[in-house]
Amino acid sequence: MKLRAAVGALAGAGLVAVTNRALTGRAGVLDHALPGTQHTYRWRGFDIAYAEAGDPDDPDCLLLHGINAAGSSREFERVFEQLAAEYHVIAPDFPGFGRSDRPPLVYSASLYTTFVTEFACELTDDAVCVASSLSGAYAALAADDAGFAELVLVCPTAETMPERRVWFRSLLRSPFVGEALFNLLASKPSLRYFERDHAIADPSILTEEYIDYRWRTTHQPGARFAPASFVSGFLDPDIDLGDRLAALDIPTTIVWGRDADPPGLERGRELADTADARLVVFDDAKLLPHVERSAAFVDTLAETLPA
């Protein structure tokens, strides 16, 4: 019986491994997230992919995508070219996401804050930084050293998980089982559910192409390592975001979708009040108003960014 159980376990492990490899193979090489000129920035052993568009003599605008299992600079596809008509726009994929390198590191909030700081210092000058969700906290922490002229934060947060769970991070990082579990969490039905439940109010946006890119980015080699730190709470910085924003001496605009939850609009009002920041609320939108209300979002930035 013990031999039969051992053989069964080995067969099961082999099937999981084959399935994992097959999914990665189906995903193929990830397409560029955005139009424009494609670049690679070498940072601390990572090759960081980023797109650039617009006249370099125009004001710099740095776009930082949100952190989630399917995060990438593709988040800005609906506003990238519109912004590039007036601004010099740069949009990277964070380390561990998109077309950037995804080594099996233990990713952390401090790593991403340092990345934002050093990337901005080297590639931008007095940039307006547009940052989404958790990347808003990294931008706030980096703002002084990065020399940002202004912040535009979309549903910013420093608290995505109630606690840090070492066991869950270790499980998702483990071979075979961890990869299989991540593939389940990043299946197309799961991705569609998350987008519809938390991120997007208008289901017509969730086209097959929209979901397919997010599925493909979650099935690149090494795709689970950064999200493993995210879903286990290790990418949340230890800060009070309202206090941090209040301490900054730069103009800040907070953008919120009225239907976002969590975090709900009340949190946006609290942050704006604490930081004495401008609050812009978009109706019929959740966590991604720049996706759902792209034209209105660009108009809002036109009122905010320097001409």
Protein backbone atom coordinates (compact mmCIF):
# COMPACT_ATOMS: atom_id res chain seq x y z
CA MET A 1 0.00 0.00 0.00
CA LYS A 2 2.85 2.36 0.83
CA LEU A 3 4.46 1.64 -2.54
CA ARG A 4 1.15 2.23 -4.32
CA ALA A 5 0.71 5.56 -2.49
CA ALA A 6 4.23 6.62 -3.36
CA VAL A 7 3.72 5.77 -7.02
CA GLY A 8 0.43 7.67 -7.01
CA ALA A 9 2.07 10.71 -5.44
CA LEU A 10 4.87 10.69 -8.01
CA ALA A 11 2.38 10.32 -10.84
CA GLY A 12 0.33 13.20 -9.44
CA ALA A 13 3.40 15.39 -9.13
CA GLY A 14 4.37 14.55 -12.70
CA LEU A 15 0.92 15.46 -13.97
CA VAL A 16 1.03 18.79 -12.11
CA ALA A 17 4.47 19.55 -13.57
CA VAL A 18 3.33 18.72 -17.10
CA THR A 19 0.20 20.85 -16.70
CA ASN A 20 2.21 23.78 -15.37
CA ARG A 21 4.65 23.61 -18.29
CA ALA A 22 1.80 23.33 -20.78
CA LEU A 23 0.13 26.48 -19.46
CA THR A 24 3.39 28.42 -19.66
CA GLY A 25 3.89 27.19 -23.20
CA ARG A 26 0.39 28.25 -24.23
CA ALA A 27 0.98 31.76 -22.91
CA GLY A 28 3.94 32.30 -25.25
CA VAL A 29 6.17 35.36 -25.27
CA LEU A 30 4.32 38.36 -23.86
CA ASP A 31 3.55 41.17 -26.30
CA HIS A 32 4.59 44.74 -25.59
CA ALA A 33 2.14 46.22 -23.12
CA LEU A 34 2.00 49.64 -24.77
CA PRO A 35 2.84 51.36 -28.06
CA GLY A 36 5.70 53.83 -28.31
CA THR A 37 9.43 53.17 -28.16
CA GLN A 38 10.39 50.07 -26.18
CA HIS A 39 13.40 50.18 -23.86
CA THR A 40 15.21 48.06 -21.29
CA TYR A 41 16.61 49.64 -18.13
CA ARG A 42 19.21 47.64 -16.22
CA TRP A 43 18.52 47.95 -12.51
CA ARG A 44 20.23 45.93 -9.77
CA GLY A 45 20.42 42.80 -11.89
CA PHE A 46 16.93 43.19 -13.40
CA ASP A 47 16.13 43.99 -17.00
CA ILE A 48 13.22 46.41 -16.64
CA ALA A 49 10.94 46.85 -19.66
CA TYR A 50 9.42 50.25 -20.24
CA ALA A 51 7.65 52.17 -22.98
CA GLU A 52 8.28 55.80 -23.86
CA ALA A 53 6.26 58.17 -26.02
CA GLY A 54 5.85 61.88 -26.63
CA ASP A 55 8.28 64.72 -27.11
CA PRO A 56 11.21 64.52 -24.65
CA ASP A 57 11.06 68.32 -24.38
CA ASP A 58 7.53 68.12 -22.96
CA PRO A 59 6.95 67.67 -19.20
CA ASP A 60 7.71 64.18 -17.95
CA CYS A 61 4.83 61.96 -16.85
CA LEU A 62 5.69 58.68 -15.11
CA LEU A 63 2.97 56.00 -15.10
CA LEU A 64 3.19 53.32 -12.39
CA HIS A 65 0.81 50.38 -12.70
CA GLY A 66 -0.98 48.78 -9.77
CA ILE A 67 0.34 45.71 -7.99
CA ASN A 68 -1.76 42.58 -8.40
CA ALA A 69 -1.31 39.08 -9.80
CA ALA A 70 -1.82 40.32 -13.37
CA GLY A 71 -0.24 43.75 -12.97
CA SER A 72 1.61 45.39 -15.87
CA SER A 73 1.90 48.73 -17.62
CA ARG A 74 -0.88 47.48 -19.95
CA GLU A 75 -3.14 49.08 -17.33
CA PHE A 76 -2.49 52.43 -19.06
CA GLU A 77 -3.22 51.35 -22.63
CA ARG A 78 -6.33 53.55 -22.89
CA VAL A 79 -4.57 56.77 -21.84
CA PHE A 80 -0.96 56.28 -22.93
CA GLU A 81 -1.14 57.73 -26.43
CA GLN A 82 -3.55 60.48 -25.41
CA LEU A 83 -1.13 61.65 -22.73
CA ALA A 84 1.81 61.36 -25.13
CA ALA A 85 0.22 64.02 -27.34
CA GLU A 86 1.10 66.61 -24.71
CA TYR A 87 3.61 64.99 -22.37
CA HIS A 88 6.75 62.89 -22.38
CA VAL A 89 5.32 59.66 -20.99
CA ILE A 90 7.28 56.76 -19.50
CA ALA A 91 5.64 53.56 -18.25
CA PRO A 92 7.67 50.67 -16.78
CA ASP A 93 6.70 47.16 -15.80
CA PHE A 94 7.68 46.72 -12.16
CA PRO A 95 10.33 44.09 -11.35
CA GLY A 96 8.60 40.73 -11.23
CA PHE A 97 5.75 41.84 -13.54
CA GLY A 98 4.96 42.24 -17.24
CA ARG A 99 7.93 41.98 -19.57
CA SER A 100 10.45 42.83 -16.83
CA ASP A 101 12.62 40.12 -15.27
CA ARG A 102 10.92 37.84 -12.74
CA PRO A 103 13.63 36.07 -10.74
CA PRO A 104 12.59 33.98 -7.70
CA LEU A 105 13.35 36.71 -5.17
CA VAL A 106 11.43 37.41 -1.98
CA TYR A 107 9.87 40.67 -3.17
CA SER A 108 9.17 43.48 -0.72
CA ALA A 109 7.71 46.97 -0.42
CA SER A 110 11.20 48.41 0.16
CA LEU A 111 12.42 46.87 -3.12
CA TYR A 112 9.64 48.59 -5.04
CA THR A 113 10.07 51.92 -3.27
CA THR A 114 13.77 51.85 -4.10
CA PHE A 115 12.97 50.94 -7.70
CA VAL A 116 10.57 53.86 -8.11
CA THR A 117 13.11 56.24 -6.59
CA GLU A 118 16.07 55.18 -8.71
CA PHE A 119 14.11 54.69 -11.94
CA ALA A 120 12.59 58.16 -11.64
CA CYS A 121 15.90 59.80 -10.72
CA GLU A 122 17.66 58.33 -13.75
CA LEU A 123 14.97 58.55 -16.41
CA THR A 124 12.74 61.51 -15.48
CA ASP A 125 13.12 65.12 -14.43
CA ASP A 126 10.53 66.85 -12.22
CA ALA A 127 7.98 64.27 -13.32
CA VAL A 128 4.32 64.18 -12.55
CA CYS A 129 3.84 60.65 -11.21
CA VAL A 130 0.58 58.86 -11.90
CA ALA A 131 0.42 55.79 -9.68
CA SER A 132 -2.32 53.22 -9.20
CA SER A 133 -3.40 51.46 -6.00
CA LEU A 134 -0.43 50.08 -4.03
CA SER A 135 2.11 51.77 -6.28
CA GLY A 136 0.66 55.04 -4.98
CA ALA A 137 2.21 54.25 -1.61
CA TYR A 138 5.59 53.57 -3.23
CA ALA A 139 5.36 56.85 -5.14
CA ALA A 140 4.52 58.73 -1.94
CA LEU A 141 7.52 57.19 -0.17
CA ALA A 142 9.82 57.91 -3.12
CA ALA A 143 8.49 61.38 -3.91
CA ASP A 144 11.11 63.54 -2.20
CA ASP A 145 14.17 61.63 -3.39
CA ALA A 146 12.69 61.06 -6.86
CA GLY A 147 12.03 64.77 -7.30
CA PHE A 148 8.42 64.42 -8.35
CA ALA A 149 6.77 67.71 -9.20
CA GLU A 150 3.30 66.37 -8.54
CA LEU A 151 1.43 63.19 -7.62
CA VAL A 152 -1.76 61.86 -9.20
CA LEU A 153 -2.77 58.79 -7.21
CA VAL A 154 -5.55 56.47 -8.34
CA CYS A 155 -7.27 54.74 -5.40
CA PRO A 156 -3.97 54.70 -3.49
CA THR A 157 -3.48 52.34 -0.58
CA ALA A 158 -0.77 51.00 1.69
CA GLU A 159 -2.94 48.21 3.09
CA THR A 160 -4.07 45.44 0.78
CA MET A 161 -3.94 42.49 3.19
CA PRO A 162 -5.02 42.27 6.85
CA GLU A 163 -1.81 40.51 7.91
CA ARG A 164 1.43 39.00 6.68
CA ARG A 165 1.26 35.26 6.11
CA VAL A 166 4.66 33.62 5.72
CA TRP A 167 3.12 30.20 5.17
CA PHE A 168 1.03 31.39 2.22
CA ARG A 169 4.00 33.08 0.56
CA SER A 170 6.06 29.90 1.01
CA LEU A 171 3.25 27.77 -0.42
CA LEU A 172 2.87 29.86 -3.58
CA ARG A 173 6.64 29.94 -4.07
CA SER A 174 6.96 26.16 -3.79
CA PRO A 175 7.51 24.08 -6.95
CA PHE A 176 4.69 22.06 -8.47
CA VAL A 177 2.00 22.66 -5.84
CA GLY A 178 2.66 26.40 -5.53
CA GLU A 179 2.70 26.84 -9.28
CA ALA A 180 -0.48 24.79 -9.66
CA LEU A 181 -2.25 26.86 -6.99
CA PHE A 182 -1.14 30.10 -8.64
CA ASN A 183 -2.33 28.84 -12.02
CA LEU A 184 -5.73 28.24 -10.44
CA LEU A 185 -5.81 31.73 -8.90
CA ALA A 186 -4.74 33.19 -12.25
CA SER A 187 -7.13 31.23 -14.44
CA LYS A 188 -9.26 33.24 -16.87
CA PRO A 189 -12.47 32.75 -14.83
CA SER A 190 -10.65 33.89 -11.69
CA LEU A 191 -9.12 36.92 -13.41
CA ARG A 192 -12.47 37.87 -14.91
CA TYR A 193 -14.17 37.53 -11.52
CA PHE A 194 -11.60 39.76 -9.80
CA GLU A 195 -11.80 42.43 -12.50
CA ARG A 196 -15.60 42.46 -12.42
CA ASP A 197 -15.92 42.29 -8.65
CA HIS A 198 -13.23 44.79 -7.63
CA ALA A 199 -11.69 46.67 -10.54
CA ILE A 200 -14.19 47.34 -13.35
CA ALA A 201 -17.81 48.51 -13.12
CA ASP A 202 -18.60 48.17 -16.85
CA PRO A 203 -18.47 44.49 -17.89
CA SER A 204 -18.25 45.40 -21.59
CA ILE A 205 -14.64 46.43 -21.00
CA LEU A 206 -13.73 42.87 -20.03
CA THR A 207 -13.26 41.64 -23.57
CA GLU A 208 -11.49 38.39 -24.41
CA GLU A 209 -8.42 40.37 -25.47
CA TYR A 210 -8.43 42.29 -22.17
CA ILE A 211 -8.53 39.11 -20.08
CA ASP A 212 -6.18 37.19 -22.39
CA TYR A 213 -3.29 39.62 -21.89
CA ARG A 214 -3.72 39.41 -18.13
CA TRP A 215 -3.81 35.62 -18.32
CA ARG A 216 -0.69 35.53 -20.47
CA THR A 217 1.26 37.82 -18.14
CA THR A 218 0.41 35.55 -15.18
CA HIS A 219 1.76 32.52 -17.06
CA GLN A 220 5.22 33.77 -17.91
CA PRO A 221 8.22 32.03 -16.32
CA GLY A 222 8.61 33.19 -12.72
CA ALA A 223 5.20 34.91 -12.73
CA ARG A 224 4.15 33.72 -9.28
CA PHE A 225 7.03 35.04 -7.18
CA ALA A 226 6.14 38.73 -6.91
CA PRO A 227 2.39 38.00 -6.52
CA ALA A 228 3.26 35.47 -3.80
CA SER A 229 4.62 38.37 -1.75
CA PHE A 230 1.63 40.53 -2.68
CA VAL A 231 -1.18 38.16 -1.67
CA SER A 232 0.63 37.28 1.57
CA GLY A 233 0.88 40.95 2.60
CA PHE A 234 4.60 41.54 2.18
CA LEU A 235 4.25 44.27 -0.44
CA ASP A 236 2.31 46.56 1.92
CA PRO A 237 4.67 49.25 3.28
CA ASP A 238 4.62 50.03 7.00
CA ILE A 239 3.29 53.57 6.71
CA ASP A 240 0.22 55.63 7.41
CA LEU A 241 -0.46 56.78 3.87
CA GLY A 242 -2.45 59.86 4.90
CA ASP A 243 0.33 61.08 7.18
CA ARG A 244 2.94 60.41 4.50
CA LEU A 245 1.02 62.41 1.90
CA ALA A 246 0.46 65.23 4.38
CA ALA A 247 4.21 65.44 4.96
CA LEU A 248 4.95 66.00 1.27
CA ASP A 249 5.37 69.52 -0.02
CA ILE A 250 4.11 68.83 -3.55
CA PRO A 251 0.63 69.10 -5.10
CA THR A 252 -1.32 65.86 -4.87
CA THR A 253 -4.48 64.78 -6.64
CA ILE A 254 -6.35 61.69 -5.47
CA VAL A 255 -8.58 60.00 -8.05
CA TRP A 256 -11.32 57.59 -7.02
CA GLY A 257 -14.04 55.54 -8.66
CA ARG A 258 -17.32 56.13 -6.88
CA ASP A 259 -18.14 52.41 -6.93
CA ALA A 260 -14.73 51.23 -5.71
CA ASP A 261 -14.89 48.87 -2.72
CA PRO A 262 -12.54 48.08 -1.11
CA PRO A 263 -11.17 50.62 -0.53
CA GLY A 264 -14.35 52.66 -0.71
CA LEU A 265 -14.77 56.33 -1.55
CA GLU A 266 -14.87 57.22 2.14
CA ARG A 267 -11.21 56.21 2.33
CA GLY A 268 -10.46 58.54 -0.56
CA ARG A 269 -12.14 61.39 1.27
CA GLU A 270 -10.15 60.61 4.43
CA LEU A 271 -6.85 60.65 2.54
CA ALA A 272 -7.71 63.87 0.74
CA ASP A 273 -8.71 65.58 3.99
CA THR A 274 -5.59 64.41 5.84
CA ALA A 275 -3.23 65.35 3.03
CA ASP A 276 -5.09 68.53 1.97
CA ALA A 277 -5.16 67.00 -1.50
CA ARG A 278 -7.52 67.54 -4.41
CA LEU A 279 -10.07 64.70 -4.74
CA VAL A 280 -11.55 63.82 -8.14
CA VAL A 281 -14.37 61.24 -8.18
CA PHE A 282 -15.51 59.42 -11.31
CA ASP A 283 -19.03 58.02 -11.48
CA ASP A 284 -19.61 54.54 -12.89
CA ALA A 285 -16.08 53.42 -12.08
CA LYS A 286 -14.34 51.21 -9.54
CA LEU A 287 -10.60 50.90 -8.88
CA LEU A 288 -9.51 51.74 -12.44
CA PRO A 289 -11.19 55.00 -13.52
CA HIS A 290 -8.34 55.61 -15.99
CA VAL A 291 -9.49 52.43 -17.75
CA GLU A 292 -13.24 52.96 -17.50
CA ARG A 293 -13.35 56.74 -17.95
CA SER A 294 -10.17 57.25 -19.95
CA ALA A 295 -11.16 60.44 -21.81
CA ALA A 296 -12.39 62.13 -18.64
CA PHE A 297 -9.28 60.94 -16.80
CA VAL A 298 -7.00 62.51 -19.42
CA ASP A 299 -9.01 65.74 -19.16
CA THR A 300 -8.46 65.68 -15.40
CA LEU A 301 -4.73 65.30 -15.88
CA ALA A 302 -4.74 68.14 -18.39
CA GLU A 303 -6.10 70.35 -15.59
CA THR A 304 -3.42 69.02 -13.23
CA LEU A 305 -0.22 68.62 -15.18
CA PRO A 306 1.97 71.58 -16.12
CA ALA A 307 1.44 72.81 -19.68
